[in-house]
Amino acid sequence: MGDVLSMNGGIALQNATPNEDLIEELEDMLERARSGEIQTVCFAILNFDESTTYFTRGLHATRGLLGSLVLLQRDLLEDIE
């Protein structure tokens, strides 16, 4: 019998490899959230298969948070070009 690569039509993760830098950053952010330092987050996620998603969680949005997203957009556009 072969290995199960996906169930219920899900994406097979056989080619996915952990990104250690990302894991370290997320663990640091989790600690900061647990201490109360981080109150709101906005994530744009690129999956291993190049599919994307986004979400926000937390207390509230501010103009400062929106400004940070605009700067992030600029930086991502520079990386693409």
PDB file of N, CA and C in Angstrom:
ATOM      1  N   MET A   1       0.841  -1.173   0.000  1.00  0.00           N
ATOM      2  CA  MET A   1       0.000   0.000   0.000  1.00  0.00           C
ATOM      3  C   MET A   1       0.889   1.239   0.000  1.00  0.00           C
ATOM      4  N   GLY A   2       0.496   2.268  -0.785  1.00  0.00           N
ATOM      5  CA  GLY A   2       1.281   3.495  -0.894  1.00  0.00           C
ATOM      6  C   GLY A   2       1.037   4.448   0.263  1.00  0.00           C
ATOM      7  N   ASP A   3       1.855   5.491   0.318  1.00  0.00           N
ATOM      8  CA  ASP A   3       1.703   6.520   1.332  1.00  0.00           C
ATOM      9  C   ASP A   3       0.510   7.415   1.003  1.00  0.00           C
ATOM     10  N   VAL A   4      -0.177   7.886   2.022  1.00  0.00           N
ATOM     11  CA  VAL A   4      -1.262   8.842   1.844  1.00  0.00           C
ATOM     12  C   VAL A   4      -0.648  10.220   1.675  1.00  0.00           C
ATOM     13  N   LEU A   5      -0.923  10.864   0.544  1.00  0.00           N
ATOM     14  CA  LEU A   5      -0.375  12.190   0.265  1.00  0.00           C
ATOM     15  C   LEU A   5      -1.378  13.298   0.510  1.00  0.00           C
ATOM     16  N   SER A   6      -2.669  13.000   0.411  1.00  0.00           N
ATOM     17  CA  SER A   6      -3.695  13.985   0.729  1.00  0.00           C
ATOM     18  C   SER A   6      -4.982  13.246   1.045  1.00  0.00           C
ATOM     19  N   MET A   7      -5.863  13.926   1.758  1.00  0.00           N
ATOM     20  CA  MET A   7      -7.153  13.338   2.097  1.00  0.00           C
ATOM     21  C   MET A   7      -8.245  14.329   1.726  1.00  0.00           C
ATOM     22  N   ASN A   8      -9.393  13.823   1.348  1.00  0.00           N
ATOM     23  CA  ASN A   8     -10.548  14.667   1.028  1.00  0.00           C
ATOM     24  C   ASN A   8     -10.239  15.706  -0.041  1.00  0.00           C
ATOM     25  N   GLY A   9      -9.375  15.368  -0.984  1.00  0.00           N
ATOM     26  CA  GLY A   9      -9.075  16.278  -2.072  1.00  0.00           C
ATOM     27  C   GLY A   9      -8.148  17.412  -1.702  1.00  0.00           C
ATOM     28  N   GLY A  10      -7.543  17.360  -0.528  1.00  0.00           N
ATOM     29  CA  GLY A  10      -6.636  18.418  -0.097  1.00  0.00           C
ATOM     30  C   GLY A  10      -5.339  18.398  -0.878  1.00  0.00           C
ATOM     31  N   ILE A  11      -4.559  19.455  -0.722  1.00  0.00           N
ATOM     32  CA  ILE A  11      -3.282  19.578  -1.413  1.00  0.00           C
ATOM     33  C   ILE A  11      -2.256  18.667  -0.746  1.00  0.00           C
ATOM     34  N   ALA A  12      -1.537  17.878  -1.538  1.00  0.00           N
ATOM     35  CA  ALA A  12      -0.486  17.020  -1.009  1.00  0.00           C
ATOM     36  C   ALA A  12       0.701  17.875  -0.596  1.00  0.00           C
ATOM     37  N   LEU A  13       1.186  17.688   0.621  1.00  0.00           N
ATOM     38  CA  LEU A  13       2.277  18.491   1.151  1.00  0.00           C
ATOM     39  C   LEU A  13       3.639  17.834   0.967  1.00  0.00           C
ATOM     40  N   GLN A  14       3.748  16.914   0.037  1.00  0.00           N
ATOM     41  CA  GLN A  14       4.983  16.168  -0.122  1.00  0.00           C
ATOM     42  C   GLN A  14       6.174  17.049  -0.500  1.00  0.00           C
ATOM     43  N   ASN A  15       5.952  18.192  -1.130  1.00  0.00           N
ATOM     44  CA  ASN A  15       7.048  19.065  -1.539  1.00  0.00           C
ATOM     45  C   ASN A  15       7.239  20.252  -0.601  1.00  0.00           C
ATOM     46  N   ALA A  16       6.446  20.336   0.459  1.00  0.00           N
ATOM     47  CA  ALA A  16       6.548  21.453   1.393  1.00  0.00           C
ATOM     48  C   ALA A  16       7.728  21.232   2.337  1.00  0.00           C
ATOM     49  N   THR A  17       8.527  22.265   2.526  1.00  0.00           N
ATOM     50  CA  THR A  17       9.621  22.208   3.491  1.00  0.00           C
ATOM     51  C   THR A  17       9.498  23.399   4.428  1.00  0.00           C
ATOM     52  N   PRO A  18       9.740  23.184   5.728  1.00  0.00           N
ATOM     53  CA  PRO A  18       9.613  24.275   6.690  1.00  0.00           C
ATOM     54  C   PRO A  18      10.605  25.401   6.399  1.00  0.00           C
ATOM     55  N   ASN A  19      10.166  26.634   6.592  1.00  0.00           N
ATOM     56  CA  ASN A  19      11.006  27.813   6.454  1.00  0.00           C
ATOM     57  C   ASN A  19      11.421  28.218   7.867  1.00  0.00           C
ATOM     58  N   GLU A  20      12.639  27.881   8.251  1.00  0.00           N
ATOM     59  CA  GLU A  20      13.093  28.084   9.629  1.00  0.00           C
ATOM     60  C   GLU A  20      13.099  29.557  10.027  1.00  0.00           C
ATOM     61  N   ASP A  21      13.453  30.460   9.116  1.00  0.00           N
ATOM     62  CA  ASP A  21      13.416  31.898   9.425  1.00  0.00           C
ATOM     63  C   ASP A  21      11.991  32.345   9.735  1.00  0.00           C
ATOM     64  N   LEU A  22      11.040  31.863   8.953  1.00  0.00           N
ATOM     65  CA  LEU A  22       9.638  32.199   9.179  1.00  0.00           C
ATOM     66  C   LEU A  22       9.165  31.656  10.523  1.00  0.00           C
ATOM     67  N   ILE A  23       9.509  30.423  10.823  1.00  0.00           N
ATOM     68  CA  ILE A  23       9.110  29.807  12.093  1.00  0.00           C
ATOM     69  C   ILE A  23       9.655  30.609  13.270  1.00  0.00           C
ATOM     70  N   GLU A  24      10.912  31.005  13.181  1.00  0.00           N
ATOM     71  CA  GLU A  24      11.528  31.791  14.256  1.00  0.00           C
ATOM     72  C   GLU A  24      10.802  33.128  14.444  1.00  0.00           C
ATOM     73  N   GLU A  25      10.484  33.797  13.352  1.00  0.00           N
ATOM     74  CA  GLU A  25       9.783  35.082  13.426  1.00  0.00           C
ATOM     75  C   GLU A  25       8.388  34.916  14.017  1.00  0.00           C
ATOM     76  N   LEU A  26       7.667  33.884  13.574  1.00  0.00           N
ATOM     77  CA  LEU A  26       6.318  33.651  14.096  1.00  0.00           C
ATOM     78  C   LEU A  26       6.341  33.296  15.580  1.00  0.00           C
ATOM     79  N   GLU A  27       7.330  32.519  16.000  1.00  0.00           N
ATOM     80  CA  GLU A  27       7.454  32.186  17.425  1.00  0.00           C
ATOM     81  C   GLU A  27       7.737  33.428  18.250  1.00  0.00           C
ATOM     82  N   ASP A  28       8.583  34.331  17.728  1.00  0.00           N
ATOM     83  CA  ASP A  28       8.863  35.585  18.415  1.00  0.00           C
ATOM     84  C   ASP A  28       7.590  36.434  18.506  1.00  0.00           C
ATOM     85  N   MET A  29       6.848  36.517  17.416  1.00  0.00           N
ATOM     86  CA  MET A  29       5.613  37.290  17.420  1.00  0.00           C
ATOM     87  C   MET A  29       4.587  36.688  18.380  1.00  0.00           C
ATOM     88  N   LEU A  30       4.538  35.362  18.477  1.00  0.00           N
ATOM     89  CA  LEU A  30       3.622  34.706  19.404  1.00  0.00           C
ATOM     90  C   LEU A  30       3.962  35.070  20.849  1.00  0.00           C
ATOM     91  N   GLU A  31       5.229  35.076  21.184  1.00  0.00           N
ATOM     92  CA  GLU A  31       5.654  35.479  22.533  1.00  0.00           C
ATOM     93  C   GLU A  31       5.251  36.925  22.810  1.00  0.00           C
ATOM     94  N   ARG A  32       5.450  37.799  21.826  1.00  0.00           N
ATOM     95  CA  ARG A  32       5.091  39.213  21.988  1.00  0.00           C
ATOM     96  C   ARG A  32       3.580  39.381  22.112  1.00  0.00           C
ATOM     97  N   ALA A  33       2.809  38.570  21.418  1.00  0.00           N
ATOM     98  CA  ALA A  33       1.350  38.617  21.550  1.00  0.00           C
ATOM     99  C   ALA A  33       0.926  38.113  22.927  1.00  0.00           C
ATOM    100  N   ARG A  34       1.559  37.060  23.398  1.00  0.00           N
ATOM    101  CA  ARG A  34       1.227  36.519  24.728  1.00  0.00           C
ATOM    102  C   ARG A  34       1.545  37.511  25.843  1.00  0.00           C
ATOM    103  N   SER A  35       2.558  38.339  25.638  1.00  0.00           N
ATOM    104  CA  SER A  35       2.922  39.333  26.649  1.00  0.00           C
ATOM    105  C   SER A  35       2.037  40.583  26.558  1.00  0.00           C
ATOM    106  N   GLY A  36       1.249  40.692  25.492  1.00  0.00           N
ATOM    107  CA  GLY A  36       0.383  41.844  25.307  1.00  0.00           C
ATOM    108  C   GLY A  36       0.996  42.933  24.447  1.00  0.00           C
ATOM    109  N   GLU A  37       2.257  42.739  24.025  1.00  0.00           N
ATOM    110  CA  GLU A  37       2.917  43.755  23.213  1.00  0.00           C
ATOM    111  C   GLU A  37       2.248  43.910  21.848  1.00  0.00           C
ATOM    112  N   ILE A  38       1.935  42.808  21.192  1.00  0.00           N
ATOM    113  CA  ILE A  38       1.248  42.839  19.895  1.00  0.00           C
ATOM    114  C   ILE A  38      -0.246  42.708  20.149  1.00  0.00           C
ATOM    115  N   GLN A  39      -1.021  43.641  19.587  1.00  0.00           N
ATOM    116  CA  GLN A  39      -2.466  43.662  19.788  1.00  0.00           C
ATOM    117  C   GLN A  39      -3.263  43.308  18.537  1.00  0.00           C
ATOM    118  N   THR A  40      -2.725  43.602  17.369  1.00  0.00           N
ATOM    119  CA  THR A  40      -3.417  43.341  16.105  1.00  0.00           C
ATOM    120  C   THR A  40      -2.393  42.913  15.063  1.00  0.00           C
ATOM    121  N   VAL A  41      -2.758  41.958  14.216  1.00  0.00           N
ATOM    122  CA  VAL A  41      -1.883  41.539  13.123  1.00  0.00           C
ATOM    123  C   VAL A  41      -2.676  41.460  11.822  1.00  0.00           C
ATOM    124  N   CYS A  42      -1.972  41.694  10.738  1.00  0.00           N
ATOM    125  CA  CYS A  42      -2.496  41.489   9.391  1.00  0.00           C
ATOM    126  C   CYS A  42      -1.490  40.600   8.676  1.00  0.00           C
ATOM    127  N   PHE A  43      -1.960  39.506   8.151  1.00  0.00           N
ATOM    128  CA  PHE A  43      -1.080  38.574   7.461  1.00  0.00           C
ATOM    129  C   PHE A  43      -1.473  38.460   5.992  1.00  0.00           C
ATOM    130  N   ALA A  44      -0.485  38.467   5.128  1.00  0.00           N
ATOM    131  CA  ALA A  44      -0.633  38.060   3.741  1.00  0.00           C
ATOM    132  C   ALA A  44       0.229  36.806   3.631  1.00  0.00           C
ATOM    133  N   ILE A  45      -0.352  35.708   3.221  1.00  0.00           N
ATOM    134  CA  ILE A  45       0.318  34.415   3.277  1.00  0.00           C
ATOM    135  C   ILE A  45       0.529  33.861   1.867  1.00  0.00           C
ATOM    136  N   LEU A  46       1.762  33.444   1.591  1.00  0.00           N
ATOM    137  CA  LEU A  46       2.090  32.729   0.361  1.00  0.00           C
ATOM    138  C   LEU A  46       2.380  31.287   0.754  1.00  0.00           C
ATOM    139  N   ASN A  47       1.550  30.373   0.267  1.00  0.00           N
ATOM    140  CA  ASN A  47       1.706  28.955   0.566  1.00  0.00           C
ATOM    141  C   ASN A  47       2.746  28.320  -0.352  1.00  0.00           C
ATOM    142  N   PHE A  48       3.162  27.110  -0.017  1.00  0.00           N
ATOM    143  CA  PHE A  48       4.202  26.427  -0.788  1.00  0.00           C
ATOM    144  C   PHE A  48       3.807  26.220  -2.245  1.00  0.00           C
ATOM    145  N   ASP A  49       2.512  26.145  -2.521  1.00  0.00           N
ATOM    146  CA  ASP A  49       2.039  25.934  -3.895  1.00  0.00           C
ATOM    147  C   ASP A  49       1.729  27.246  -4.602  1.00  0.00           C
ATOM    148  N   GLU A  50       2.153  28.371  -3.996  1.00  0.00           N
ATOM    149  CA  GLU A  50       1.980  29.721  -4.511  1.00  0.00           C
ATOM    150  C   GLU A  50       0.544  30.227  -4.447  1.00  0.00           C
ATOM    151  N   SER A  51      -0.337  29.502  -3.763  1.00  0.00           N
ATOM    152  CA  SER A  51      -1.659  30.059  -3.477  1.00  0.00           C
ATOM    153  C   SER A  51      -1.492  31.077  -2.348  1.00  0.00           C
ATOM    154  N   THR A  52      -2.427  31.997  -2.241  1.00  0.00           N
ATOM    155  CA  THR A  52      -2.314  33.064  -1.249  1.00  0.00           C
ATOM    156  C   THR A  52      -3.603  33.219  -0.455  1.00  0.00           C
ATOM    157  N   THR A  53      -3.474  33.833   0.689  1.00  0.00           N
ATOM    158  CA  THR A  53      -4.614  34.200   1.510  1.00  0.00           C
ATOM    159  C   THR A  53      -4.197  35.360   2.408  1.00  0.00           C
ATOM    160  N   TYR A  54      -5.149  35.947   3.065  1.00  0.00           N
ATOM    161  CA  TYR A  54      -4.842  37.016   4.002  1.00  0.00           C
ATOM    162  C   TYR A  54      -5.878  37.017   5.124  1.00  0.00           C
ATOM    163  N   PHE A  55      -5.520  37.595   6.253  1.00  0.00           N
ATOM    164  CA  PHE A  55      -6.481  37.790   7.336  1.00  0.00           C
ATOM    165  C   PHE A  55      -5.924  38.801   8.328  1.00  0.00           C
ATOM    166  N   THR A  56      -6.812  39.309   9.150  1.00  0.00           N
ATOM    167  CA  THR A  56      -6.422  40.191  10.235  1.00  0.00           C
ATOM    168  C   THR A  56      -7.107  39.712  11.510  1.00  0.00           C
ATOM    169  N   ARG A  57      -6.394  39.811  12.611  1.00  0.00           N
ATOM    170  CA  ARG A  57      -6.945  39.435  13.916  1.00  0.00           C
ATOM    171  C   ARG A  57      -6.473  40.448  14.943  1.00  0.00           C
ATOM    172  N   GLY A  58      -7.317  40.729  15.885  1.00  0.00           N
ATOM    173  CA  GLY A  58      -6.911  41.597  16.964  1.00  0.00           C
ATOM    174  C   GLY A  58      -7.974  42.578  17.371  1.00  0.00           C
ATOM    175  N   LEU A  59      -7.523  43.627  18.022  1.00  0.00           N
ATOM    176  CA  LEU A  59      -8.434  44.573  18.643  1.00  0.00           C
ATOM    177  C   LEU A  59      -9.048  45.553  17.665  1.00  0.00           C
ATOM    178  N   HIS A  60      -8.218  46.201  16.851  1.00  0.00           N
ATOM    179  CA  HIS A  60      -8.743  47.230  15.971  1.00  0.00           C
ATOM    180  C   HIS A  60      -7.686  47.654  14.946  1.00  0.00           C
ATOM    181  N   ALA A  61      -8.172  48.267  13.889  1.00  0.00           N
ATOM    182  CA  ALA A  61      -7.271  48.819  12.879  1.00  0.00           C
ATOM    183  C   ALA A  61      -7.045  50.302  13.186  1.00  0.00           C
ATOM    184  N   THR A  62      -5.910  50.807  12.791  1.00  0.00           N
ATOM    185  CA  THR A  62      -5.595  52.229  12.965  1.00  0.00           C
ATOM    186  C   THR A  62      -5.001  52.761  11.676  1.00  0.00           C
ATOM    187  N   ARG A  63      -4.900  54.074  11.585  1.00  0.00           N
ATOM    188  CA  ARG A  63      -4.249  54.670  10.421  1.00  0.00           C
ATOM    189  C   ARG A  63      -2.779  54.246  10.364  1.00  0.00           C
ATOM    190  N   GLY A  64      -2.147  54.115  11.522  1.00  0.00           N
ATOM    191  CA  GLY A  64      -0.754  53.673  11.559  1.00  0.00           C
ATOM    192  C   GLY A  64      -0.590  52.268  11.007  1.00  0.00           C
ATOM    193  N   LEU A  65      -1.528  51.376  11.345  1.00  0.00           N
ATOM    194  CA  LEU A  65      -1.482  50.010  10.820  1.00  0.00           C
ATOM    195  C   LEU A  65      -1.680  50.010   9.310  1.00  0.00           C
ATOM    196  N   LEU A  66      -2.618  50.793   8.841  1.00  0.00           N
ATOM    197  CA  LEU A  66      -2.846  50.905   7.401  1.00  0.00           C
ATOM    198  C   LEU A  66      -1.611  51.473   6.697  1.00  0.00           C
ATOM    199  N   GLY A  67      -0.968  52.466   7.298  1.00  0.00           N
ATOM    200  CA  GLY A  67       0.260  53.019   6.735  1.00  0.00           C
ATOM    201  C   GLY A  67       1.358  51.973   6.640  1.00  0.00           C
ATOM    202  N   SER A  68       1.462  51.128   7.659  1.00  0.00           N
ATOM    203  CA  SER A  68       2.455  50.050   7.622  1.00  0.00           C
ATOM    204  C   SER A  68       2.183  49.083   6.485  1.00  0.00           C
ATOM    205  N   LEU A  69       0.907  48.819   6.217  1.00  0.00           N
ATOM    206  CA  LEU A  69       0.555  47.931   5.103  1.00  0.00           C
ATOM    207  C   LEU A  69       0.918  48.558   3.764  1.00  0.00           C
ATOM    208  N   VAL A  70       0.746  49.860   3.643  1.00  0.00           N
ATOM    209  CA  VAL A  70       1.129  50.557   2.409  1.00  0.00           C
ATOM    210  C   VAL A  70       2.643  50.450   2.199  1.00  0.00           C
ATOM    211  N   LEU A  71       3.415  50.633   3.276  1.00  0.00           N
ATOM    212  CA  LEU A  71       4.870  50.505   3.161  1.00  0.00           C
ATOM    213  C   LEU A  71       5.269  49.071   2.819  1.00  0.00           C
ATOM    214  N   LEU A  72       4.572  48.109   3.395  1.00  0.00           N
ATOM    215  CA  LEU A  72       4.832  46.711   3.068  1.00  0.00           C
ATOM    216  C   LEU A  72       4.545  46.448   1.593  1.00  0.00           C
ATOM    217  N   GLN A  73       3.450  47.003   1.087  1.00  0.00           N
ATOM    218  CA  GLN A  73       3.117  46.848  -0.331  1.00  0.00           C
ATOM    219  C   GLN A  73       4.238  47.411  -1.206  1.00  0.00           C
ATOM    220  N   ARG A  74       4.744  48.580  -0.849  1.00  0.00           N
ATOM    221  CA  ARG A  74       5.844  49.190  -1.611  1.00  0.00           C
ATOM    222  C   ARG A  74       7.068  48.272  -1.618  1.00  0.00           C
ATOM    223  N   ASP A  75       7.417  47.734  -0.447  1.00  0.00           N
ATOM    224  CA  ASP A  75       8.579  46.856  -0.354  1.00  0.00           C
ATOM    225  C   ASP A  75       8.399  45.587  -1.183  1.00  0.00           C
ATOM    226  N   LEU A  76       7.195  45.016  -1.151  1.00  0.00           N
ATOM    227  CA  LEU A  76       6.939  43.809  -1.939  1.00  0.00           C
ATOM    228  C   LEU A  76       7.032  44.106  -3.438  1.00  0.00           C
ATOM    229  N   LEU A  77       6.510  45.246  -3.856  1.00  0.00           N
ATOM    230  CA  LEU A  77       6.602  45.620  -5.259  1.00  0.00           C
ATOM    231  C   LEU A  77       8.057  45.801  -5.695  1.00  0.00           C
ATOM    232  N   GLU A  78       8.888  46.382  -4.837  1.00  0.00           N
ATOM    233  CA  GLU A  78      10.311  46.531  -5.146  1.00  0.00           C
ATOM    234  C   GLU A  78      10.981  45.162  -5.281  1.00  0.00           C
ATOM    235  N   ASP A  79      10.594  44.201  -4.435  1.00  0.00           N
ATOM    236  CA  ASP A  79      11.170  42.848  -4.505  1.00  0.00           C
ATOM    237  C   ASP A  79      10.781  42.141  -5.797  1.00  0.00           C
ATOM    238  N   ILE A  80       9.569  42.414  -6.293  1.00  0.00           N
ATOM    239  CA  ILE A  80       9.084  41.763  -7.509  1.00  0.00           C
ATOM    240  C   ILE A  80       9.824  42.295  -8.739  1.00  0.00           C
ATOM    241  N   GLU A  81      10.099  43.582  -8.747  1.00  0.00           N
ATOM    242  CA  GLU A  81      10.703  44.227  -9.925  1.00  0.00           C
ATOM    243  C   GLU A  81      12.161  44.032  -9.999  1.00  0.00           C
TER     244      GLU A  81
END
